[in-house]
Amino acid sequence: MAKNKLKKFLDLDSFEHVIQPTLETLRKDFGLKGNWKKKFFKNNNPIVLELGCGKGEYSVALAKEFPNKNFLGIDIKGARIWAGAQQAFDEELDNVGFLRIRIDWIEMCFDKNEVDEIWITFPDPQLKLNRASKRLTHPKFLNKYNNILKPLSKIHLKTDSQFLHGYTLGVIEGESHLLEDSTCDLYNAPVKRDYMDIKTFYEKKFLEKNMPITYLRFNLTYDNSN
């Protein structure tokens, strides 16, 4: 197991489409900030982030579904990211990459208005009250996203956690953001949504246990003109 994990980390170091900056690098001068399209993707297509991407299945699947968009899977766990990075390498996908960082470093990685869309897929719901600020839809994180997103960009949340779904609806209402879509049982909803047939490793496990999957989409209304 340890040998296999070591190989994955060596692979990550060799992949040009995987970026693993240290906190020190981000604090000094991270050359990709503001330059992801030009220096990394080498095109002018929209940038979509998947936060807490895990094994990267969603990032890779979306990249294949939308070849005219650029996708970046973000996670701190290198052994998880490896699976998506290896698949992208094997399939020679040039519109998907991976960024190994903590999510709370995100403002140091992207410039204002550099990101077009965000997906949050099956994050840890952080159920304990003293962990509320760790939830990826907490206002603290939404403010960070606002500093890198273009105005009125879409944020998607897909989760098995009814708690996190409800919590996020409360944040959206309390912060006066714009809710575009919401369902507490995605696959049994009367309205079928596009590209929702993409299922992650964890999502398949939840569905095997007959746990309903929730989904919502919203826009931030914070003033990001400054």
C-alpha atoms as a PDB file:
ATOM      1  CA  MET A   1       0.000   0.000   0.000  1.00  0.00           C
ATOM      2  CA  ALA A   2       2.748   2.475   0.962  1.00  0.00           C
ATOM      3  CA  LYS A   3       4.714   1.623  -2.189  1.00  0.00           C
ATOM      4  CA  ASN A   4       1.646   2.193  -4.357  1.00  0.00           C
ATOM      5  CA  LYS A   5       0.990   5.527  -2.658  1.00  0.00           C
ATOM      6  CA  LEU A   6       4.590   6.602  -3.228  1.00  0.00           C
ATOM      7  CA  LYS A   7       4.267   5.780  -6.924  1.00  0.00           C
ATOM      8  CA  LYS A   8       1.137   7.944  -7.147  1.00  0.00           C
ATOM      9  CA  PHE A   9       2.969  10.904  -5.635  1.00  0.00           C
ATOM     10  CA  LEU A  10       5.852  10.402  -8.070  1.00  0.00           C
ATOM     11  CA  ASP A  11       3.346  10.320 -10.926  1.00  0.00           C
ATOM     12  CA  LEU A  12       1.781  13.568  -9.708  1.00  0.00           C
ATOM     13  CA  ASP A  13       5.193  15.225  -9.689  1.00  0.00           C
ATOM     14  CA  SER A  14       5.685  14.214 -13.316  1.00  0.00           C
ATOM     15  CA  PHE A  15       2.282  15.307 -14.626  1.00  0.00           C
ATOM     16  CA  GLU A  16       2.345  18.716 -16.309  1.00  0.00           C
ATOM     17  CA  HIS A  17      -1.405  19.069 -15.751  1.00  0.00           C
ATOM     18  CA  VAL A  18      -1.072  18.761 -11.947  1.00  0.00           C
ATOM     19  CA  ILE A  19       0.014  21.825  -9.959  1.00  0.00           C
ATOM     20  CA  GLN A  20       1.124  21.414  -6.326  1.00  0.00           C
ATOM     21  CA  PRO A  21       2.194  24.810  -4.978  1.00  0.00           C
ATOM     22  CA  THR A  22       3.365  25.250  -1.405  1.00  0.00           C
ATOM     23  CA  LEU A  23       1.870  27.934   0.800  1.00  0.00           C
ATOM     24  CA  GLU A  24       5.204  29.762   0.633  1.00  0.00           C
ATOM     25  CA  THR A  25       5.047  29.783  -3.182  1.00  0.00           C
ATOM     26  CA  LEU A  26       1.496  31.130  -3.151  1.00  0.00           C
ATOM     27  CA  ARG A  27       2.418  33.895  -0.722  1.00  0.00           C
ATOM     28  CA  LYS A  28       5.404  35.024  -2.769  1.00  0.00           C
ATOM     29  CA  ASP A  29       4.593  34.985  -6.457  1.00  0.00           C
ATOM     30  CA  PHE A  30       2.388  32.279  -7.950  1.00  0.00           C
ATOM     31  CA  GLY A  31       2.915  32.699 -11.683  1.00  0.00           C
ATOM     32  CA  LEU A  32      -0.368  31.058 -12.729  1.00  0.00           C
ATOM     33  CA  LYS A  33      -2.528  33.514 -10.793  1.00  0.00           C
ATOM     34  CA  GLY A  34      -4.275  35.569 -13.437  1.00  0.00           C
ATOM     35  CA  ASN A  35      -2.643  33.476 -16.163  1.00  0.00           C
ATOM     36  CA  TRP A  36      -4.384  30.103 -16.080  1.00  0.00           C
ATOM     37  CA  LYS A  37      -5.857  30.469 -19.572  1.00  0.00           C
ATOM     38  CA  LYS A  38      -2.659  31.754 -21.143  1.00  0.00           C
ATOM     39  CA  LYS A  39       0.008  29.684 -19.389  1.00  0.00           C
ATOM     40  CA  PHE A  40      -1.766  26.494 -18.313  1.00  0.00           C
ATOM     41  CA  PHE A  41      -4.664  25.790 -20.684  1.00  0.00           C
ATOM     42  CA  LYS A  42      -3.261  27.892 -23.531  1.00  0.00           C
ATOM     43  CA  ASN A  43      -6.697  29.002 -24.716  1.00  0.00           C
ATOM     44  CA  ASN A  44      -9.291  31.611 -23.821  1.00  0.00           C
ATOM     45  CA  ASN A  45     -12.102  29.266 -22.770  1.00  0.00           C
ATOM     46  CA  PRO A  46     -14.056  29.623 -19.483  1.00  0.00           C
ATOM     47  CA  ILE A  47     -12.531  28.171 -16.320  1.00  0.00           C
ATOM     48  CA  VAL A  48     -14.629  25.862 -14.126  1.00  0.00           C
ATOM     49  CA  LEU A  49     -13.439  24.662 -10.699  1.00  0.00           C
ATOM     50  CA  GLU A  50     -14.454  21.487  -8.878  1.00  0.00           C
ATOM     51  CA  LEU A  51     -13.764  22.002  -5.172  1.00  0.00           C
ATOM     52  CA  GLY A  52     -13.006  18.932  -3.094  1.00  0.00           C
ATOM     53  CA  CYS A  53     -12.752  16.932  -6.304  1.00  0.00           C
ATOM     54  CA  GLY A  54     -11.640  13.684  -4.641  1.00  0.00           C
ATOM     55  CA  LYS A  55     -10.746  11.196  -7.365  1.00  0.00           C
ATOM     56  CA  GLY A  56     -11.552  13.778 -10.033  1.00  0.00           C
ATOM     57  CA  GLU A  57     -14.265  11.829 -11.846  1.00  0.00           C
ATOM     58  CA  TYR A  58     -16.547  14.818 -12.146  1.00  0.00           C
ATOM     59  CA  SER A  59     -13.833  17.125 -13.464  1.00  0.00           C
ATOM     60  CA  VAL A  60     -12.798  14.582 -16.096  1.00  0.00           C
ATOM     61  CA  ALA A  61     -16.364  13.755 -17.111  1.00  0.00           C
ATOM     62  CA  LEU A  62     -17.314  17.422 -17.417  1.00  0.00           C
ATOM     63  CA  ALA A  63     -14.167  18.073 -19.458  1.00  0.00           C
ATOM     64  CA  LYS A  64     -15.258  15.411 -21.925  1.00  0.00           C
ATOM     65  CA  GLU A  65     -18.831  16.736 -21.944  1.00  0.00           C
ATOM     66  CA  PHE A  66     -17.758  20.339 -22.512  1.00  0.00           C
ATOM     67  CA  PRO A  67     -14.567  20.477 -24.637  1.00  0.00           C
ATOM     68  CA  ASN A  68     -14.899  24.264 -24.976  1.00  0.00           C
ATOM     69  CA  LYS A  69     -14.461  24.809 -21.228  1.00  0.00           C
ATOM     70  CA  ASN A  70     -11.405  24.398 -18.987  1.00  0.00           C
ATOM     71  CA  PHE A  71     -11.774  22.344 -15.803  1.00  0.00           C
ATOM     72  CA  LEU A  72      -9.626  22.315 -12.668  1.00  0.00           C
ATOM     73  CA  GLY A  73     -10.172  19.744  -9.937  1.00  0.00           C
ATOM     74  CA  ILE A  74      -9.015  21.010  -6.553  1.00  0.00           C
ATOM     75  CA  ASP A  75      -8.257  18.849  -3.519  1.00  0.00           C
ATOM     76  CA  ILE A  76      -5.562  18.548  -0.861  1.00  0.00           C
ATOM     77  CA  LYS A  77      -5.365  14.735  -1.047  1.00  0.00           C
ATOM     78  CA  GLY A  78      -2.768  13.781  -3.650  1.00  0.00           C
ATOM     79  CA  ALA A  79      -3.545  10.069  -3.588  1.00  0.00           C
ATOM     80  CA  ARG A  80      -7.148  10.874  -4.533  1.00  0.00           C
ATOM     81  CA  ILE A  81      -6.309  13.380  -7.262  1.00  0.00           C
ATOM     82  CA  TRP A  82      -4.033  10.795  -8.890  1.00  0.00           C
ATOM     83  CA  ALA A  83      -6.968   8.794 -10.294  1.00  0.00           C
ATOM     84  CA  GLY A  84      -8.415  11.706 -12.256  1.00  0.00           C
ATOM     85  CA  ALA A  85      -4.992  12.976 -13.268  1.00  0.00           C
ATOM     86  CA  GLN A  86      -4.010   9.539 -14.589  1.00  0.00           C
ATOM     87  CA  GLN A  87      -7.270   9.248 -16.535  1.00  0.00           C
ATOM     88  CA  ALA A  88      -6.817  12.698 -18.054  1.00  0.00           C
ATOM     89  CA  PHE A  89      -3.270  11.744 -19.038  1.00  0.00           C
ATOM     90  CA  ASP A  90      -4.297   8.394 -20.528  1.00  0.00           C
ATOM     91  CA  GLU A  91      -7.134   9.955 -22.519  1.00  0.00           C
ATOM     92  CA  GLU A  92      -4.996  12.935 -23.596  1.00  0.00           C
ATOM     93  CA  LEU A  93      -7.508  15.506 -22.345  1.00  0.00           C
ATOM     94  CA  ASP A  94      -6.070  18.993 -22.686  1.00  0.00           C
ATOM     95  CA  ASN A  95      -8.919  20.904 -21.011  1.00  0.00           C
ATOM     96  CA  VAL A  96      -8.656  19.444 -17.512  1.00  0.00           C
ATOM     97  CA  GLY A  97      -6.033  19.858 -14.806  1.00  0.00           C
ATOM     98  CA  PHE A  98      -5.667  19.426 -11.067  1.00  0.00           C
ATOM     99  CA  LEU A  99      -4.580  21.805  -8.332  1.00  0.00           C
ATOM    100  CA  ARG A 100      -3.464  20.312  -5.024  1.00  0.00           C
ATOM    101  CA  ILE A 101      -4.176  22.912  -2.366  1.00  0.00           C
ATOM    102  CA  ARG A 102      -6.376  23.556   0.654  1.00  0.00           C
ATOM    103  CA  ILE A 103      -9.588  25.242  -0.454  1.00  0.00           C
ATOM    104  CA  ASP A 104      -8.982  28.173   1.879  1.00  0.00           C
ATOM    105  CA  TRP A 105      -5.874  29.061  -0.181  1.00  0.00           C
ATOM    106  CA  ILE A 106      -7.980  29.597  -3.284  1.00  0.00           C
ATOM    107  CA  GLU A 107      -7.721  33.410  -3.400  1.00  0.00           C
ATOM    108  CA  MET A 108      -3.946  33.109  -3.685  1.00  0.00           C
ATOM    109  CA  CYS A 109      -4.312  30.931  -6.801  1.00  0.00           C
ATOM    110  CA  PHE A 110      -6.756  32.918  -8.936  1.00  0.00           C
ATOM    111  CA  ASP A 111      -7.176  36.556  -9.847  1.00  0.00           C
ATOM    112  CA  LYS A 112     -10.351  38.606  -9.631  1.00  0.00           C
ATOM    113  CA  ASN A 113     -12.943  37.545 -12.255  1.00  0.00           C
ATOM    114  CA  GLU A 114     -10.680  34.708 -13.448  1.00  0.00           C
ATOM    115  CA  VAL A 115     -13.123  31.873 -12.705  1.00  0.00           C
ATOM    116  CA  ASP A 116     -16.420  31.338 -14.540  1.00  0.00           C
ATOM    117  CA  GLU A 117     -18.118  28.583 -12.541  1.00  0.00           C
ATOM    118  CA  ILE A 118     -17.718  26.412  -9.426  1.00  0.00           C
ATOM    119  CA  TRP A 119     -18.824  22.873  -8.628  1.00  0.00           C
ATOM    120  CA  ILE A 120     -18.803  21.566  -5.049  1.00  0.00           C
ATOM    121  CA  THR A 121     -19.292  17.806  -5.127  1.00  0.00           C
ATOM    122  CA  PHE A 122     -19.902  15.719  -2.011  1.00  0.00           C
ATOM    123  CA  PRO A 123     -17.867  17.778   0.460  1.00  0.00           C
ATOM    124  CA  ASP A 124     -17.549  16.902   4.124  1.00  0.00           C
ATOM    125  CA  PRO A 125     -20.728  18.420   5.669  1.00  0.00           C
ATOM    126  CA  GLN A 126     -18.844  19.240   8.892  1.00  0.00           C
ATOM    127  CA  LEU A 127     -21.835  18.376  11.089  1.00  0.00           C
ATOM    128  CA  LYS A 128     -20.439  19.646  14.402  1.00  0.00           C
ATOM    129  CA  LEU A 129     -21.393  23.227  15.270  1.00  0.00           C
ATOM    130  CA  ASN A 130     -17.795  24.183  16.022  1.00  0.00           C
ATOM    131  CA  ARG A 131     -16.851  23.064  12.479  1.00  0.00           C
ATOM    132  CA  ALA A 132     -19.448  25.250  10.721  1.00  0.00           C
ATOM    133  CA  SER A 133     -16.832  27.617   9.292  1.00  0.00           C
ATOM    134  CA  LYS A 134     -15.192  24.613   7.556  1.00  0.00           C
ATOM    135  CA  ARG A 135     -18.286  23.976   5.404  1.00  0.00           C
ATOM    136  CA  LEU A 136     -17.508  24.858   1.794  1.00  0.00           C
ATOM    137  CA  THR A 137     -20.754  26.851   1.532  1.00  0.00           C
ATOM    138  CA  HIS A 138     -20.142  28.860   4.704  1.00  0.00           C
ATOM    139  CA  PRO A 139     -20.208  32.649   4.049  1.00  0.00           C
ATOM    140  CA  LYS A 140     -16.454  32.715   4.757  1.00  0.00           C
ATOM    141  CA  PHE A 141     -15.849  30.498   1.735  1.00  0.00           C
ATOM    142  CA  LEU A 142     -18.493  32.210  -0.402  1.00  0.00           C
ATOM    143  CA  ASN A 143     -16.615  35.477   0.107  1.00  0.00           C
ATOM    144  CA  LYS A 144     -13.437  33.793  -1.124  1.00  0.00           C
ATOM    145  CA  TYR A 145     -15.226  32.468  -4.199  1.00  0.00           C
ATOM    146  CA  ASN A 146     -16.681  35.887  -4.852  1.00  0.00           C
ATOM    147  CA  ASN A 147     -13.163  37.314  -5.060  1.00  0.00           C
ATOM    148  CA  ILE A 148     -12.248  35.028  -7.956  1.00  0.00           C
ATOM    149  CA  LEU A 149     -15.580  34.506  -9.761  1.00  0.00           C
ATOM    150  CA  LYS A 150     -16.989  36.663 -12.505  1.00  0.00           C
ATOM    151  CA  PRO A 151     -20.191  38.478 -11.416  1.00  0.00           C
ATOM    152  CA  LEU A 152     -23.275  36.218 -11.191  1.00  0.00           C
ATOM    153  CA  SER A 153     -21.306  33.073 -11.983  1.00  0.00           C
ATOM    154  CA  LYS A 154     -22.974  29.775 -11.129  1.00  0.00           C
ATOM    155  CA  ILE A 155     -22.090  27.722  -8.055  1.00  0.00           C
ATOM    156  CA  HIS A 156     -23.343  24.126  -7.958  1.00  0.00           C
ATOM    157  CA  LEU A 157     -23.622  21.970  -4.830  1.00  0.00           C
ATOM    158  CA  LYS A 158     -24.203  18.241  -5.203  1.00  0.00           C
ATOM    159  CA  THR A 159     -24.275  16.256  -1.963  1.00  0.00           C
ATOM    160  CA  ASP A 160     -25.776  13.288  -0.157  1.00  0.00           C
ATOM    161  CA  SER A 161     -26.084  15.421   2.983  1.00  0.00           C
ATOM    162  CA  GLN A 162     -29.610  16.721   3.519  1.00  0.00           C
ATOM    163  CA  PHE A 163     -28.124  18.744   6.357  1.00  0.00           C
ATOM    164  CA  LEU A 164     -25.610  20.550   4.139  1.00  0.00           C
ATOM    165  CA  HIS A 165     -28.248  21.073   1.459  1.00  0.00           C
ATOM    166  CA  GLY A 166     -30.589  22.711   3.988  1.00  0.00           C
ATOM    167  CA  TYR A 167     -27.773  24.666   5.601  1.00  0.00           C
ATOM    168  CA  THR A 168     -26.730  26.052   2.207  1.00  0.00           C
ATOM    169  CA  LEU A 169     -30.305  27.037   1.349  1.00  0.00           C
ATOM    170  CA  GLY A 170     -30.351  28.968   4.625  1.00  0.00           C
ATOM    171  CA  VAL A 171     -27.078  30.715   3.780  1.00  0.00           C
ATOM    172  CA  ILE A 172     -28.367  31.630   0.304  1.00  0.00           C
ATOM    173  CA  GLU A 173     -31.541  33.131   1.751  1.00  0.00           C
ATOM    174  CA  GLY A 174     -29.787  34.829   4.661  1.00  0.00           C
ATOM    175  CA  GLU A 175     -27.162  36.399   2.404  1.00  0.00           C
ATOM    176  CA  SER A 176     -29.740  37.307  -0.307  1.00  0.00           C
ATOM    177  CA  HIS A 177     -28.019  35.285  -3.023  1.00  0.00           C
ATOM    178  CA  LEU A 178     -29.940  34.114  -6.094  1.00  0.00           C
ATOM    179  CA  LEU A 179     -31.172  30.514  -5.955  1.00  0.00           C
ATOM    180  CA  GLU A 180     -31.642  29.132  -9.459  1.00  0.00           C
ATOM    181  CA  ASP A 181     -32.446  25.486  -8.811  1.00  0.00           C
ATOM    182  CA  SER A 182     -32.858  23.088  -5.897  1.00  0.00           C
ATOM    183  CA  THR A 183     -33.947  19.502  -5.307  1.00  0.00           C
ATOM    184  CA  CYS A 184     -33.560  17.252  -2.267  1.00  0.00           C
ATOM    185  CA  ASP A 185     -33.852  14.057  -4.351  1.00  0.00           C
ATOM    186  CA  LEU A 186     -32.088  14.573  -7.668  1.00  0.00           C
ATOM    187  CA  TYR A 187     -32.675  11.227  -9.344  1.00  0.00           C
ATOM    188  CA  ASN A 188     -36.356  10.990  -8.387  1.00  0.00           C
ATOM    189  CA  ALA A 189     -37.177  14.598  -9.265  1.00  0.00           C
ATOM    190  CA  PRO A 190     -39.827  15.094 -11.995  1.00  0.00           C
ATOM    191  CA  VAL A 191     -37.541  17.527 -13.818  1.00  0.00           C
ATOM    192  CA  LYS A 192     -34.464  15.886 -15.324  1.00  0.00           C
ATOM    193  CA  ARG A 193     -31.304  18.003 -15.315  1.00  0.00           C
ATOM    194  CA  ASP A 194     -28.588  17.983 -17.944  1.00  0.00           C
ATOM    195  CA  TYR A 195     -25.260  16.158 -17.332  1.00  0.00           C
ATOM    196  CA  MET A 196     -26.431  14.891 -13.929  1.00  0.00           C
ATOM    197  CA  ASP A 197     -25.830  11.305 -14.953  1.00  0.00           C
ATOM    198  CA  ILE A 198     -22.159  11.804 -14.029  1.00  0.00           C
ATOM    199  CA  LYS A 199     -21.651   9.937 -10.764  1.00  0.00           C
ATOM    200  CA  THR A 200     -18.589  10.079  -8.535  1.00  0.00           C
ATOM    201  CA  PHE A 201     -17.055   7.170  -6.632  1.00  0.00           C
ATOM    202  CA  TYR A 202     -18.688   8.339  -3.398  1.00  0.00           C
ATOM    203  CA  GLU A 203     -22.022   9.118  -5.042  1.00  0.00           C
ATOM    204  CA  LYS A 204     -22.328   5.533  -6.293  1.00  0.00           C
ATOM    205  CA  LYS A 205     -21.767   4.289  -2.749  1.00  0.00           C
ATOM    206  CA  PHE A 206     -24.472   6.602  -1.403  1.00  0.00           C
ATOM    207  CA  LEU A 207     -26.926   5.474  -4.082  1.00  0.00           C
ATOM    208  CA  GLU A 208     -26.222   1.824  -3.271  1.00  0.00           C
ATOM    209  CA  LYS A 209     -27.426   2.631   0.257  1.00  0.00           C
ATOM    210  CA  ASN A 210     -30.584   4.308  -1.166  1.00  0.00           C
ATOM    211  CA  MET A 211     -29.446   7.695   0.099  1.00  0.00           C
ATOM    212  CA  PRO A 212     -31.049  10.516  -1.938  1.00  0.00           C
ATOM    213  CA  ILE A 213     -28.709  12.924  -3.690  1.00  0.00           C
ATOM    214  CA  THR A 214     -29.408  16.641  -3.393  1.00  0.00           C
ATOM    215  CA  TYR A 215     -28.523  19.419  -5.809  1.00  0.00           C
ATOM    216  CA  LEU A 216     -28.730  23.185  -5.883  1.00  0.00           C
ATOM    217  CA  ARG A 217     -27.400  25.999  -8.048  1.00  0.00           C
ATOM    218  CA  PHE A 218     -27.069  29.643  -7.107  1.00  0.00           C
ATOM    219  CA  ASN A 219     -25.383  32.964  -7.909  1.00  0.00           C
ATOM    220  CA  LEU A 220     -23.578  35.192  -5.427  1.00  0.00           C
ATOM    221  CA  THR A 221     -24.780  38.760  -4.990  1.00  0.00           C
ATOM    222  CA  TYR A 222     -21.853  40.159  -3.000  1.00  0.00           C
ATOM    223  CA  ASP A 223     -20.463  43.363  -4.470  1.00  0.00           C
ATOM    224  CA  ASN A 224     -17.193  42.379  -6.175  1.00  0.00           C
ATOM    225  CA  SER A 225     -16.699  45.605  -8.120  1.00  0.00           C
ATOM    226  CA  ASN A 226     -13.858  46.805  -5.879  1.00  0.00           C
END
